[in-house]
Amino acid sequence: MREMLYTCDVCKKKKGEANHWFLAQINNPMDRLQLTFTRWSHADARNEDTIHLCGQECAQRKLSEFLGSLT
């Protein structure tokens, strides 16, 4: 089975073997919008609503974007 290719949803960088990537998801349980970050997991990365982030800088940019959307 061929491994999927992933791209950072913030900067569009392609994922390599040794990259330290993160995943994020935006959820809205009980009308309380929340952003959750997790470490990279190939199983979770395949989820349609998962945000792929190539590192800490892009994770911080996504957090800032998310917080700005709440005001």
Protein backbone atom coordinates (compact mmCIF):
# COMPACT_ATOMS: atom_id res chain seq x y z
CA MET A 1 0.00 0.00 0.00
CA ARG A 2 1.34 3.41 -1.01
CA GLU A 3 1.75 6.04 1.72
CA MET A 4 -0.38 9.15 1.33
CA LEU A 5 1.29 12.48 0.63
CA TYR A 6 0.39 15.29 3.02
CA THR A 7 0.69 19.06 2.67
CA CYS A 8 0.70 21.62 5.48
CA ASP A 9 -2.65 23.40 5.46
CA VAL A 10 -0.95 26.68 6.46
CA CYS A 11 2.29 27.01 4.43
CA LYS A 12 1.73 24.22 1.83
CA LYS A 13 5.03 22.44 2.66
CA LYS A 14 5.12 18.74 1.70
CA LYS A 15 5.54 16.18 4.50
CA GLY A 16 8.77 14.21 4.52
CA GLU A 17 9.86 11.21 6.60
CA ALA A 18 11.57 13.01 9.52
CA ASN A 19 9.29 16.03 9.85
CA HIS A 20 7.77 16.82 13.25
CA TRP A 21 4.20 17.49 12.23
CA PHE A 22 1.03 18.11 14.23
CA LEU A 23 -2.65 17.60 13.57
CA ALA A 24 -5.51 19.88 14.54
CA GLN A 25 -9.28 19.66 14.47
CA ILE A 26 -11.94 22.30 14.89
CA ASN A 27 -15.01 20.98 16.71
CA ASN A 28 -18.23 22.57 17.87
CA PRO A 29 -19.63 20.48 20.74
CA MET A 30 -22.67 22.10 22.37
CA ASP A 31 -22.06 25.31 20.36
CA ARG A 32 -18.64 25.83 21.98
CA LEU A 33 -16.13 26.13 19.15
CA GLN A 34 -12.79 24.49 20.05
CA LEU A 35 -9.45 23.83 18.37
CA THR A 36 -7.56 20.69 19.43
CA PHE A 37 -3.92 19.90 18.60
CA THR A 38 -2.39 16.41 18.65
CA ARG A 39 0.91 14.88 17.62
CA TRP A 40 1.10 13.29 14.18
CA SER A 41 -0.69 9.99 13.63
CA HIS A 42 -1.08 8.47 10.17
CA ALA A 43 -4.47 7.05 11.14
CA ASP A 44 -5.78 10.44 12.31
CA ALA A 45 -4.18 12.31 9.40
CA ARG A 46 -6.47 10.50 6.98
CA ASN A 47 -9.62 12.00 8.56
CA GLU A 48 -11.35 14.39 6.23
CA ASP A 49 -11.70 17.21 8.79
CA THR A 50 -8.11 17.05 10.08
CA ILE A 51 -5.81 20.04 9.66
CA HIS A 52 -2.19 19.12 8.83
CA LEU A 53 0.52 21.35 10.34
CA CYS A 54 4.23 21.06 9.52
CA GLY A 55 5.55 22.33 12.83
CA GLN A 56 5.23 24.70 15.77
CA GLU A 57 5.23 27.89 13.69
CA CYS A 58 2.31 26.78 11.52
CA ALA A 59 0.46 25.45 14.59
CA GLN A 60 0.84 28.90 16.19
CA ARG A 61 -0.37 30.59 13.02
CA LYS A 62 -3.45 28.32 12.94
CA LEU A 63 -4.14 29.08 16.62
CA SER A 64 -3.86 32.82 15.97
CA GLU A 65 -6.20 32.52 12.97
CA PHE A 66 -8.68 30.53 15.04
CA LEU A 67 -8.65 32.99 17.95
CA GLY A 68 -9.07 35.92 15.53
CA SER A 69 -12.17 34.29 14.09
CA LEU A 70 -13.82 34.24 17.53
CA THR A 71 -13.92 38.01 17.94
